[in-house]
PDB file of N, CA and C in Angstrom:
ATOM      1  N   MET A   1      52.163-139.048  -5.594  1.00  0.00           N
ATOM      2  CA  MET A   1      50.803-139.450  -5.819  1.00  0.00           C
ATOM      3  C   MET A   1      50.283-140.345  -4.695  1.00  0.00           C
ATOM      4  N   ARG A   2      51.102-141.225  -4.236  1.00  0.00           N
ATOM      5  CA  ARG A   2      50.694-142.189  -3.223  1.00  0.00           C
ATOM      6  C   ARG A   2      50.352-141.480  -1.908  1.00  0.00           C
ATOM      7  N   LYS A   3      51.112-140.418  -1.543  1.00  0.00           N
ATOM      8  CA  LYS A   3      50.858-139.692  -0.294  1.00  0.00           C
ATOM      9  C   LYS A   3      49.502-138.998  -0.338  1.00  0.00           C
ATOM     10  N   ALA A   4      49.134-138.424  -1.467  1.00  0.00           N
ATOM     11  CA  ALA A   4      47.854-137.733  -1.599  1.00  0.00           C
ATOM     12  C   ALA A   4      46.696-138.710  -1.409  1.00  0.00           C
ATOM     13  N   ALA A   5      46.818-139.893  -1.961  1.00  0.00           N
ATOM     14  CA  ALA A   5      45.763-140.890  -1.805  1.00  0.00           C
ATOM     15  C   ALA A   5      45.654-141.328  -0.347  1.00  0.00           C
ATOM     16  N   GLY A   6      46.743-141.440   0.338  1.00  0.00           N
ATOM     17  CA  GLY A   6      46.745-141.820   1.749  1.00  0.00           C
ATOM     18  C   GLY A   6      46.079-140.764   2.616  1.00  0.00           C
ATOM     19  N   ARG A   7      46.340-139.504   2.325  1.00  0.00           N
ATOM     20  CA  ARG A   7      45.717-138.413   3.077  1.00  0.00           C
ATOM     21  C   ARG A   7      44.208-138.383   2.861  1.00  0.00           C
ATOM     22  N   GLY A   8      43.785-138.650   1.647  1.00  0.00           N
ATOM     23  CA  GLY A   8      42.351-138.659   1.342  1.00  0.00           C
ATOM     24  C   GLY A   8      41.620-139.749   2.109  1.00  0.00           C
ATOM     25  N   ALA A   9      42.238-140.923   2.199  1.00  0.00           N
ATOM     26  CA  ALA A   9      41.631-142.035   2.936  1.00  0.00           C
ATOM     27  C   ALA A   9      41.564-141.713   4.421  1.00  0.00           C
ATOM     28  N   ALA A  10      42.616-141.097   4.946  1.00  0.00           N
ATOM     29  CA  ALA A  10      42.636-140.732   6.367  1.00  0.00           C
ATOM     30  C   ALA A  10      41.565-139.689   6.666  1.00  0.00           C
ATOM     31  N   THR A  11      41.406-138.733   5.762  1.00  0.00           N
ATOM     32  CA  THR A  11      40.382-137.702   5.943  1.00  0.00           C
ATOM     33  C   THR A  11      38.990-138.325   5.951  1.00  0.00           C
ATOM     34  N   LEU A  12      38.753-139.274   5.063  1.00  0.00           N
ATOM     35  CA  LEU A  12      37.461-139.939   5.026  1.00  0.00           C
ATOM     36  C   LEU A  12      37.190-140.721   6.306  1.00  0.00           C
ATOM     37  N   LEU A  13      38.230-141.370   6.842  1.00  0.00           N
ATOM     38  CA  LEU A  13      38.056-142.110   8.092  1.00  0.00           C
ATOM     39  C   LEU A  13      37.729-141.186   9.248  1.00  0.00           C
ATOM     40  N   VAL A  14      38.408-140.047   9.321  1.00  0.00           N
ATOM     41  CA  VAL A  14      38.132-139.078  10.386  1.00  0.00           C
ATOM     42  C   VAL A  14      36.717-138.532  10.236  1.00  0.00           C
ATOM     43  N   LEU A  15      36.346-138.182   9.020  1.00  0.00           N
ATOM     44  CA  LEU A  15      35.004-137.663   8.762  1.00  0.00           C
ATOM     45  C   LEU A  15      33.929-138.689   9.127  1.00  0.00           C
ATOM     46  N   ALA A  16      34.150-139.937   8.768  1.00  0.00           N
ATOM     47  CA  ALA A  16      33.202-140.995   9.110  1.00  0.00           C
ATOM     48  C   ALA A  16      33.078-141.159  10.624  1.00  0.00           C
ATOM     49  N   GLY A  17      34.184-141.052  11.333  1.00  0.00           N
ATOM     50  CA  GLY A  17      34.158-141.158  12.792  1.00  0.00           C
ATOM     51  C   GLY A  17      33.404-140.014  13.441  1.00  0.00           C
ATOM     52  N   VAL A  18      33.613-138.817  12.926  1.00  0.00           N
ATOM     53  CA  VAL A  18      32.915-137.650  13.468  1.00  0.00           C
ATOM     54  C   VAL A  18      31.420-137.774  13.227  1.00  0.00           C
ATOM     55  N   LEU A  19      31.045-138.169  12.020  1.00  0.00           N
ATOM     56  CA  LEU A  19      29.626-138.292  11.704  1.00  0.00           C
ATOM     57  C   LEU A  19      28.962-139.400  12.506  1.00  0.00           C
ATOM     58  N   ALA A  20      29.652-140.495  12.706  1.00  0.00           N
ATOM     59  CA  ALA A  20      29.070-141.614  13.447  1.00  0.00           C
ATOM     60  C   ALA A  20      28.913-141.288  14.926  1.00  0.00           C
ATOM     61  N   GLY A  21      29.891-140.637  15.505  1.00  0.00           N
ATOM     62  CA  GLY A  21      29.854-140.379  16.940  1.00  0.00           C
ATOM     63  C   GLY A  21      29.285-139.026  17.310  1.00  0.00           C
ATOM     64  N   GLY A  22      29.383-138.057  16.417  1.00  0.00           N
ATOM     65  CA  GLY A  22      28.986-136.713  16.777  1.00  0.00           C
ATOM     66  C   GLY A  22      27.663-136.268  16.198  1.00  0.00           C
ATOM     67  N   ALA A  23      26.996-137.128  15.457  1.00  0.00           N
ATOM     68  CA  ALA A  23      25.727-136.734  14.864  1.00  0.00           C
ATOM     69  C   ALA A  23      24.656-136.658  15.946  1.00  0.00           C
ATOM     70  N   PRO A  24      23.875-135.576  15.953  1.00  0.00           N
ATOM     71  CA  PRO A  24      22.827-135.476  16.963  1.00  0.00           C
ATOM     72  C   PRO A  24      21.745-136.526  16.734  1.00  0.00           C
ATOM     73  N   VAL A  25      21.197-137.020  17.801  1.00  0.00           N
ATOM     74  CA  VAL A  25      20.152-138.017  17.726  1.00  0.00           C
ATOM     75  C   VAL A  25      18.810-137.296  17.740  1.00  0.00           C
ATOM     76  N   ALA A  26      17.935-137.641  16.823  1.00  0.00           N
ATOM     77  CA  ALA A  26      16.615-137.017  16.770  1.00  0.00           C
ATOM     78  C   ALA A  26      15.798-137.455  17.972  1.00  0.00           C
ATOM     79  N   GLU A  27      15.162-136.491  18.608  1.00  0.00           N
ATOM     80  CA  GLU A  27      14.338-136.798  19.761  1.00  0.00           C
ATOM     81  C   GLU A  27      12.898-136.998  19.319  1.00  0.00           C
ATOM     82  N   ALA A  28      12.211-137.878  20.012  1.00  0.00           N
ATOM     83  CA  ALA A  28      10.802-138.095  19.727  1.00  0.00           C
ATOM     84  C   ALA A  28       9.994-136.890  20.195  1.00  0.00           C
ATOM     85  N   ARG A  29       8.891-136.635  19.527  1.00  0.00           N
ATOM     86  CA  ARG A  29       8.024-135.518  19.904  1.00  0.00           C
ATOM     87  C   ARG A  29       7.386-135.846  21.252  1.00  0.00           C
ATOM     88  N   PRO A  30       7.380-134.893  22.213  1.00  0.00           N
ATOM     89  CA  PRO A  30       6.753-135.179  23.505  1.00  0.00           C
ATOM     90  C   PRO A  30       5.261-135.459  23.341  1.00  0.00           C
ATOM     91  N   ASP A  31       4.761-136.367  24.128  1.00  0.00           N
ATOM     92  CA  ASP A  31       3.358-136.766  24.072  1.00  0.00           C
ATOM     93  C   ASP A  31       2.645-136.240  25.311  1.00  0.00           C
ATOM     94  N   PHE A  32       1.851-135.183  25.140  1.00  0.00           N
ATOM     95  CA  PHE A  32       1.154-134.580  26.278  1.00  0.00           C
ATOM     96  C   PHE A  32       0.100-135.516  26.858  1.00  0.00           C
ATOM     97  N   THR A  33      -0.404-136.453  26.077  1.00  0.00           N
ATOM     98  CA  THR A  33      -1.425-137.358  26.606  1.00  0.00           C
ATOM     99  C   THR A  33      -0.846-138.326  27.640  1.00  0.00           C
ATOM    100  N   ARG A  34       0.464-138.431  27.688  1.00  0.00           N
ATOM    101  CA  ARG A  34       1.117-139.312  28.673  1.00  0.00           C
ATOM    102  C   ARG A  34       1.713-138.543  29.846  1.00  0.00           C
ATOM    103  N   MET A  35       1.587-137.197  29.822  1.00  0.00           N
ATOM    104  CA  MET A  35       2.136-136.351  30.890  1.00  0.00           C
ATOM    105  C   MET A  35       1.009-135.809  31.755  1.00  0.00           C
ATOM    106  N   THR A  36       1.382-135.368  32.954  1.00  0.00           N
ATOM    107  CA  THR A  36       0.416-134.650  33.774  1.00  0.00           C
ATOM    108  C   THR A  36       0.283-133.234  33.230  1.00  0.00           C
ATOM    109  N   CYS A  37      -0.777-132.583  33.601  1.00  0.00           N
ATOM    110  CA  CYS A  37      -1.021-131.215  33.154  1.00  0.00           C
ATOM    111  C   CYS A  37       0.125-130.298  33.603  1.00  0.00           C
ATOM    112  N   ALA A  38       0.546-130.433  34.839  1.00  0.00           N
ATOM    113  CA  ALA A  38       1.617-129.583  35.367  1.00  0.00           C
ATOM    114  C   ALA A  38       2.930-129.794  34.615  1.00  0.00           C
ATOM    115  N   LYS A  39       3.233-131.030  34.265  1.00  0.00           N
ATOM    116  CA  LYS A  39       4.474-131.319  33.551  1.00  0.00           C
ATOM    117  C   LYS A  39       4.434-130.752  32.131  1.00  0.00           C
ATOM    118  N   ALA A  40       3.294-130.886  31.450  1.00  0.00           N
ATOM    119  CA  ALA A  40       3.153-130.338  30.099  1.00  0.00           C
ATOM    120  C   ALA A  40       3.257-128.825  30.119  1.00  0.00           C
ATOM    121  N   ARG A  41       2.606-128.185  31.075  1.00  0.00           N
ATOM    122  CA  ARG A  41       2.653-126.726  31.209  1.00  0.00           C
ATOM    123  C   ARG A  41       4.085-126.260  31.503  1.00  0.00           C
ATOM    124  N   ALA A  42       4.779-126.982  32.348  1.00  0.00           N
ATOM    125  CA  ALA A  42       6.160-126.627  32.689  1.00  0.00           C
ATOM    126  C   ALA A  42       7.087-126.789  31.482  1.00  0.00           C
ATOM    127  N   MET A  43       6.848-127.802  30.660  1.00  0.00           N
ATOM    128  CA  MET A  43       7.676-128.015  29.475  1.00  0.00           C
ATOM    129  C   MET A  43       7.551-126.844  28.506  1.00  0.00           C
ATOM    130  N   VAL A  44       6.333-126.366  28.293  1.00  0.00           N
ATOM    131  CA  VAL A  44       6.126-125.225  27.400  1.00  0.00           C
ATOM    132  C   VAL A  44       6.755-123.970  27.998  1.00  0.00           C
ATOM    133  N   ALA A  45       6.580-123.765  29.288  1.00  0.00           N
ATOM    134  CA  ALA A  45       7.150-122.582  29.941  1.00  0.00           C
ATOM    135  C   ALA A  45       8.673-122.590  29.877  1.00  0.00           C
ATOM    136  N   ARG A  46       9.273-123.738  30.066  1.00  0.00           N
ATOM    137  CA  ARG A  46      10.729-123.864  30.075  1.00  0.00           C
ATOM    138  C   ARG A  46      11.317-123.748  28.668  1.00  0.00           C
ATOM    139  N   SER A  47      10.685-124.380  27.700  1.00  0.00           N
ATOM    140  CA  SER A  47      11.234-124.436  26.342  1.00  0.00           C
ATOM    141  C   SER A  47      10.887-123.227  25.490  1.00  0.00           C
ATOM    142  N   GLY A  48       9.795-122.566  25.771  1.00  0.00           N
ATOM    143  CA  GLY A  48       9.366-121.433  24.961  1.00  0.00           C
ATOM    144  C   GLY A  48       8.426-121.851  23.856  1.00  0.00           C
ATOM    145  N   ALA A  49       8.785-122.887  23.120  1.00  0.00           N
ATOM    146  CA  ALA A  49       7.935-123.424  22.053  1.00  0.00           C
ATOM    147  C   ALA A  49       8.141-124.935  21.979  1.00  0.00           C
ATOM    148  N   VAL A  50       7.039-125.669  21.899  1.00  0.00           N
ATOM    149  CA  VAL A  50       7.091-127.130  21.881  1.00  0.00           C
ATOM    150  C   VAL A  50       6.085-127.644  20.857  1.00  0.00           C
ATOM    151  N   VAL A  51       6.508-128.572  20.015  1.00  0.00           N
ATOM    152  CA  VAL A  51       5.585-129.303  19.153  1.00  0.00           C
ATOM    153  C   VAL A  51       5.328-130.625  19.866  1.00  0.00           C
ATOM    154  N   ALA A  52       4.073-130.844  20.247  1.00  0.00           N
ATOM    155  CA  ALA A  52       3.753-132.009  21.064  1.00  0.00           C
ATOM    156  C   ALA A  52       2.619-132.819  20.451  1.00  0.00           C
ATOM    157  N   THR A  53       2.628-134.105  20.730  1.00  0.00           N
ATOM    158  CA  THR A  53       1.546-134.987  20.333  1.00  0.00           C
ATOM    159  C   THR A  53       0.354-134.712  21.234  1.00  0.00           C
ATOM    160  N   THR A  54      -0.833-134.563  20.610  1.00  0.00           N
ATOM    161  CA  THR A  54      -2.043-134.273  21.369  1.00  0.00           C
ATOM    162  C   THR A  54      -3.108-135.359  21.202  1.00  0.00           C
ATOM    163  N   GLY A  55      -2.824-136.344  20.395  1.00  0.00           N
ATOM    164  CA  GLY A  55      -3.759-137.437  20.151  1.00  0.00           C
ATOM    165  C   GLY A  55      -3.092-138.484  19.283  1.00  0.00           C
ATOM    166  N   ARG A  56      -3.848-139.469  18.924  1.00  0.00           N
ATOM    167  CA  ARG A  56      -3.268-140.576  18.157  1.00  0.00           C
ATOM    168  C   ARG A  56      -2.652-140.113  16.834  1.00  0.00           C
ATOM    169  N   TYR A  57      -3.324-139.217  16.132  1.00  0.00           N
ATOM    170  CA  TYR A  57      -2.830-138.740  14.838  1.00  0.00           C
ATOM    171  C   TYR A  57      -2.665-137.217  14.791  1.00  0.00           C
ATOM    172  N   THR A  58      -2.625-136.574  15.935  1.00  0.00           N
ATOM    173  CA  THR A  58      -2.583-135.108  15.954  1.00  0.00           C
ATOM    174  C   THR A  58      -1.395-134.590  16.747  1.00  0.00           C
ATOM    175  N   TYR A  59      -0.988-133.384  16.373  1.00  0.00           N
ATOM    176  CA  TYR A  59       0.061-132.680  17.112  1.00  0.00           C
ATOM    177  C   TYR A  59      -0.203-131.190  16.983  1.00  0.00           C
ATOM    178  N   GLN A  60       0.437-130.405  17.839  1.00  0.00           N
ATOM    179  CA  GLN A  60       0.230-128.959  17.856  1.00  0.00           C
ATOM    180  C   GLN A  60       1.495-128.281  18.367  1.00  0.00           C
ATOM    181  N   ARG A  61       1.736-127.078  17.911  1.00  0.00           N
ATOM    182  CA  ARG A  61       2.846-126.270  18.424  1.00  0.00           C
ATOM    183  C   ARG A  61       2.289-125.331  19.480  1.00  0.00           C
ATOM    184  N   PHE A  62       2.853-125.409  20.682  1.00  0.00           N
ATOM    185  CA  PHE A  62       2.459-124.557  21.797  1.00  0.00           C
ATOM    186  C   PHE A  62       3.613-123.624  22.133  1.00  0.00           C
ATOM    187  N   VAL A  63       3.288-122.389  22.507  1.00  0.00           N
ATOM    188  CA  VAL A  63       4.306-121.401  22.869  1.00  0.00           C
ATOM    189  C   VAL A  63       3.967-120.817  24.233  1.00  0.00           C
ATOM    190  N   ASN A  64       4.970-120.194  24.865  1.00  0.00           N
ATOM    191  CA  ASN A  64       4.702-119.593  26.172  1.00  0.00           C
ATOM    192  C   ASN A  64       4.455-118.089  26.090  1.00  0.00           C
ATOM    193  N   GLY A  65       4.403-117.534  24.890  1.00  0.00           N
ATOM    194  CA  GLY A  65       4.086-116.129  24.739  1.00  0.00           C
ATOM    195  C   GLY A  65       4.279-115.654  23.315  1.00  0.00           C
ATOM    196  N   PRO A  66       3.928-114.400  23.028  1.00  0.00           N
ATOM    197  CA  PRO A  66       3.987-113.875  21.665  1.00  0.00           C
ATOM    198  C   PRO A  66       5.393-113.795  21.089  1.00  0.00           C
ATOM    199  N   ARG A  67       6.384-113.819  21.922  1.00  0.00           N
ATOM    200  CA  ARG A  67       7.777-113.765  21.472  1.00  0.00           C
ATOM    201  C   ARG A  67       8.113-114.917  20.519  1.00  0.00           C
ATOM    202  N   TRP A  68       7.410-116.027  20.634  1.00  0.00           N
ATOM    203  CA  TRP A  68       7.690-117.224  19.850  1.00  0.00           C
ATOM    204  C   TRP A  68       6.867-117.293  18.569  1.00  0.00           C
ATOM    205  N   CYS A  69       6.118-116.241  18.276  1.00  0.00           N
ATOM    206  CA  CYS A  69       5.292-116.193  17.070  1.00  0.00           C
ATOM    207  C   CYS A  69       5.898-115.199  16.084  1.00  0.00           C
ATOM    208  N   ASP A  70       5.441-115.263  14.823  1.00  0.00           N
ATOM    209  CA  ASP A  70       5.834-114.253  13.852  1.00  0.00           C
ATOM    210  C   ASP A  70       5.204-112.927  14.242  1.00  0.00           C
ATOM    211  N   HIS A  71       5.786-111.825  13.779  1.00  0.00           N
ATOM    212  CA  HIS A  71       5.344-110.508  14.239  1.00  0.00           C
ATOM    213  C   HIS A  71       3.908-110.185  13.865  1.00  0.00           C
ATOM    214  N   TRP A  72       3.342-110.816  12.840  1.00  0.00           N
ATOM    215  CA  TRP A  72       1.960-110.527  12.450  1.00  0.00           C
ATOM    216  C   TRP A  72       0.958-111.436  13.145  1.00  0.00           C
ATOM    217  N   GLU A  73       1.435-112.407  13.898  1.00  0.00           N
ATOM    218  CA  GLU A  73       0.540-113.348  14.553  1.00  0.00           C
ATOM    219  C   GLU A  73       0.165-112.874  15.949  1.00  0.00           C
ATOM    220  N   THR A  74      -0.956-113.381  16.429  1.00  0.00           N
ATOM    221  CA  THR A  74      -1.391-113.132  17.799  1.00  0.00           C
ATOM    222  C   THR A  74      -1.393-114.460  18.541  1.00  0.00           C
ATOM    223  N   VAL A  75      -1.465-114.395  19.858  1.00  0.00           N
ATOM    224  CA  VAL A  75      -1.514-115.630  20.644  1.00  0.00           C
ATOM    225  C   VAL A  75      -2.917-115.836  21.190  1.00  0.00           C
ATOM    226  N   ARG A  76      -3.269-117.110  21.333  1.00  0.00           N
ATOM    227  CA  ARG A  76      -4.552-117.493  21.910  1.00  0.00           C
ATOM    228  C   ARG A  76      -4.284-118.632  22.880  1.00  0.00           C
ATOM    229  N   PRO A  77      -4.863-118.560  24.089  1.00  0.00           N
ATOM    230  CA  PRO A  77      -4.670-119.675  25.030  1.00  0.00           C
ATOM    231  C   PRO A  77      -5.103-120.990  24.392  1.00  0.00           C
ATOM    232  N   ALA A  78      -4.325-122.034  24.662  1.00  0.00           N
ATOM    233  CA  ALA A  78      -4.593-123.326  24.042  1.00  0.00           C
ATOM    234  C   ALA A  78      -4.597-124.430  25.084  1.00  0.00           C
ATOM    235  N   THR A  79      -5.450-125.397  24.857  1.00  0.00           N
ATOM    236  CA  THR A  79      -5.536-126.545  25.751  1.00  0.00           C
ATOM    237  C   THR A  79      -5.081-127.795  25.016  1.00  0.00           C
ATOM    238  N   ALA A  80      -4.694-128.774  25.804  1.00  0.00           N
ATOM    239  CA  ALA A  80      -4.300-130.074  25.268  1.00  0.00           C
ATOM    240  C   ALA A  80      -4.748-131.144  26.249  1.00  0.00           C
ATOM    241  N   PRO A  81      -5.105-132.314  25.742  1.00  0.00           N
ATOM    242  CA  PRO A  81      -5.447-133.405  26.653  1.00  0.00           C
ATOM    243  C   PRO A  81      -4.173-133.961  27.296  1.00  0.00           C
ATOM    244  N   THR A  82      -4.207-134.097  28.605  1.00  0.00           N
ATOM    245  CA  THR A  82      -3.084-134.680  29.330  1.00  0.00           C
ATOM    246  C   THR A  82      -3.584-135.901  30.091  1.00  0.00           C
ATOM    247  N   ARG A  83      -2.664-136.571  30.746  1.00  0.00           N
ATOM    248  CA  ARG A  83      -3.015-137.802  31.468  1.00  0.00           C
ATOM    249  C   ARG A  83      -4.070-137.550  32.545  1.00  0.00           C
ATOM    250  N   ASP A  84      -3.997-136.394  33.196  1.00  0.00           N
ATOM    251  CA  ASP A  84      -4.892-136.128  34.320  1.00  0.00           C
ATOM    252  C   ASP A  84      -5.945-135.044  34.058  1.00  0.00           C
ATOM    253  N   ASN A  85      -5.953-134.480  32.838  1.00  0.00           N
ATOM    254  CA  ASN A  85      -6.885-133.387  32.548  1.00  0.00           C
ATOM    255  C   ASN A  85      -7.210-133.404  31.050  1.00  0.00           C
ATOM    256  N   ARG A  86      -8.472-133.528  30.708  1.00  0.00           N
ATOM    257  CA  ARG A  86      -8.856-133.582  29.289  1.00  0.00           C
ATOM    258  C   ARG A  86      -8.685-132.247  28.583  1.00  0.00           C
ATOM    259  N   SER A  87      -8.605-131.169  29.343  1.00  0.00           N
ATOM    260  CA  SER A  87      -8.513-129.839  28.748  1.00  0.00           C
ATOM    261  C   SER A  87      -7.560-128.969  29.563  1.00  0.00           C
ATOM    262  N   CYS A  88      -6.288-129.291  29.529  1.00  0.00           N
ATOM    263  CA  CYS A  88      -5.267-128.584  30.302  1.00  0.00           C
ATOM    264  C   CYS A  88      -4.767-127.374  29.505  1.00  0.00           C
ATOM    265  N   VAL A  89      -4.773-126.198  30.120  1.00  0.00           N
ATOM    266  CA  VAL A  89      -4.217-125.008  29.474  1.00  0.00           C
ATOM    267  C   VAL A  89      -2.696-125.098  29.609  1.00  0.00           C
ATOM    268  N   VAL A  90      -2.035-125.442  28.513  1.00  0.00           N
ATOM    269  CA  VAL A  90      -0.584-125.651  28.543  1.00  0.00           C
ATOM    270  C   VAL A  90       0.198-124.432  28.070  1.00  0.00           C
ATOM    271  N   GLY A  91      -0.441-123.511  27.394  1.00  0.00           N
ATOM    272  CA  GLY A  91       0.237-122.325  26.884  1.00  0.00           C
ATOM    273  C   GLY A  91      -0.630-121.642  25.853  1.00  0.00           C
ATOM    274  N   TYR A  92      -0.003-121.216  24.777  1.00  0.00           N
ATOM    275  CA  TYR A  92      -0.703-120.493  23.717  1.00  0.00           C
ATOM    276  C   TYR A  92      -0.388-121.126  22.368  1.00  0.00           C
ATOM    277  N   ILE A  93      -1.205-120.792  21.370  1.00  0.00           N
ATOM    278  CA  ILE A  93      -0.869-121.103  19.997  1.00  0.00           C
ATOM    279  C   ILE A  93      -0.801-119.791  19.223  1.00  0.00           C
ATOM    280  N   CYS A  94       0.005-119.767  18.179  1.00  0.00           N
ATOM    281  CA  CYS A  94       0.141-118.590  17.330  1.00  0.00           C
ATOM    282  C   CYS A  94      -0.932-118.656  16.252  1.00  0.00           C
ATOM    283  N   GLU A  95      -1.616-117.533  16.051  1.00  0.00           N
ATOM    284  CA  GLU A  95      -2.659-117.474  15.029  1.00  0.00           C
ATOM    285  C   GLU A  95      -2.475-116.244  14.162  1.00  0.00           C
ATOM    286  N   THR A  96      -2.784-116.389  12.898  1.00  0.00           N
ATOM    287  CA  THR A  96      -2.816-115.237  12.009  1.00  0.00           C
ATOM    288  C   THR A  96      -4.200-114.631  12.128  1.00  0.00           C
ATOM    289  N   PRO A  97      -4.287-113.344  12.502  1.00  0.00           N
ATOM    290  CA  PRO A  97      -5.615-112.746  12.676  1.00  0.00           C
ATOM    291  C   PRO A  97      -6.374-112.695  11.349  1.00  0.00           C
ATOM    292  N   LEU A  98      -7.672-112.850  11.434  1.00  0.00           N
ATOM    293  CA  LEU A  98      -8.510-112.808  10.255  1.00  0.00           C
ATOM    294  C   LEU A  98      -8.530-111.399   9.653  1.00  0.00           C
ATOM    295  N   PHE A  99      -8.606-110.412  10.519  1.00  0.00           N
ATOM    296  CA  PHE A  99      -8.584-109.015  10.088  1.00  0.00           C
ATOM    297  C   PHE A  99      -7.402-108.316  10.718  1.00  0.00           C
ATOM    298  N   ARG A 100      -6.771-107.475   9.956  1.00  0.00           N
ATOM    299  CA  ARG A 100      -5.608-106.730  10.420  1.00  0.00           C
ATOM    300  C   ARG A 100      -6.059-105.453  11.136  1.00  0.00           C
ATOM    301  N   PRO A 101      -5.528-105.187  12.334  1.00  0.00           N
ATOM    302  CA  PRO A 101      -5.884-103.937  13.020  1.00  0.00           C
ATOM    303  C   PRO A 101      -5.372-102.727  12.216  1.00  0.00           C
ATOM    304  N   PHE A 102      -6.087-101.622  12.321  1.00  0.00           N
ATOM    305  CA  PHE A 102      -5.667-100.413  11.611  1.00  0.00           C
ATOM    306  C   PHE A 102      -4.336 -99.915  12.136  1.00  0.00           C
ATOM    307  N   GLY A 103      -3.507 -99.431  11.237  1.00  0.00           N
ATOM    308  CA  GLY A 103      -2.231 -98.843  11.633  1.00  0.00           C
ATOM    309  C   GLY A 103      -1.066 -99.805  11.668  1.00  0.00           C
ATOM    310  N   ASP A 104      -1.309-101.097  11.535  1.00  0.00           N
ATOM    311  CA  ASP A 104      -0.190-102.053  11.534  1.00  0.00           C
ATOM    312  C   ASP A 104       0.418-102.130  10.159  1.00  0.00           C
ATOM    313  N   ASP A 105       1.715-102.075  10.113  1.00  0.00           N
ATOM    314  CA  ASP A 105       2.428-102.207   8.840  1.00  0.00           C
ATOM    315  C   ASP A 105       2.883-103.647   8.684  1.00  0.00           C
ATOM    316  N   TRP A 106       2.312-104.363   7.770  1.00  0.00           N
ATOM    317  CA  TRP A 106       2.717-105.742   7.514  1.00  0.00           C
ATOM    318  C   TRP A 106       3.548-105.769   6.306  1.00  0.00           C
TER     319      TRP A 106
END
């Protein structure tokens, strides 16, 4: 009985060590208002999809193409305010079309 209790304590210590040292750290959402237009555009192009801060209380998901949207969504060019440009085209946003084109199977 004593050996089983010892193994359980050792397992808990190992698990606690793994969780403390190996847990991923949450990253803050990038703030496009503090970046240059070129840097924000490059971030979207490199990452494929980015959720970024666009104002004091606002955020938006930007993508670099339709591949990052659901199959029924379309892409529309999107702008965001950056440090050097109030209306920087950083990529696209995914939108659900108001009307479905004929022949599409959803």
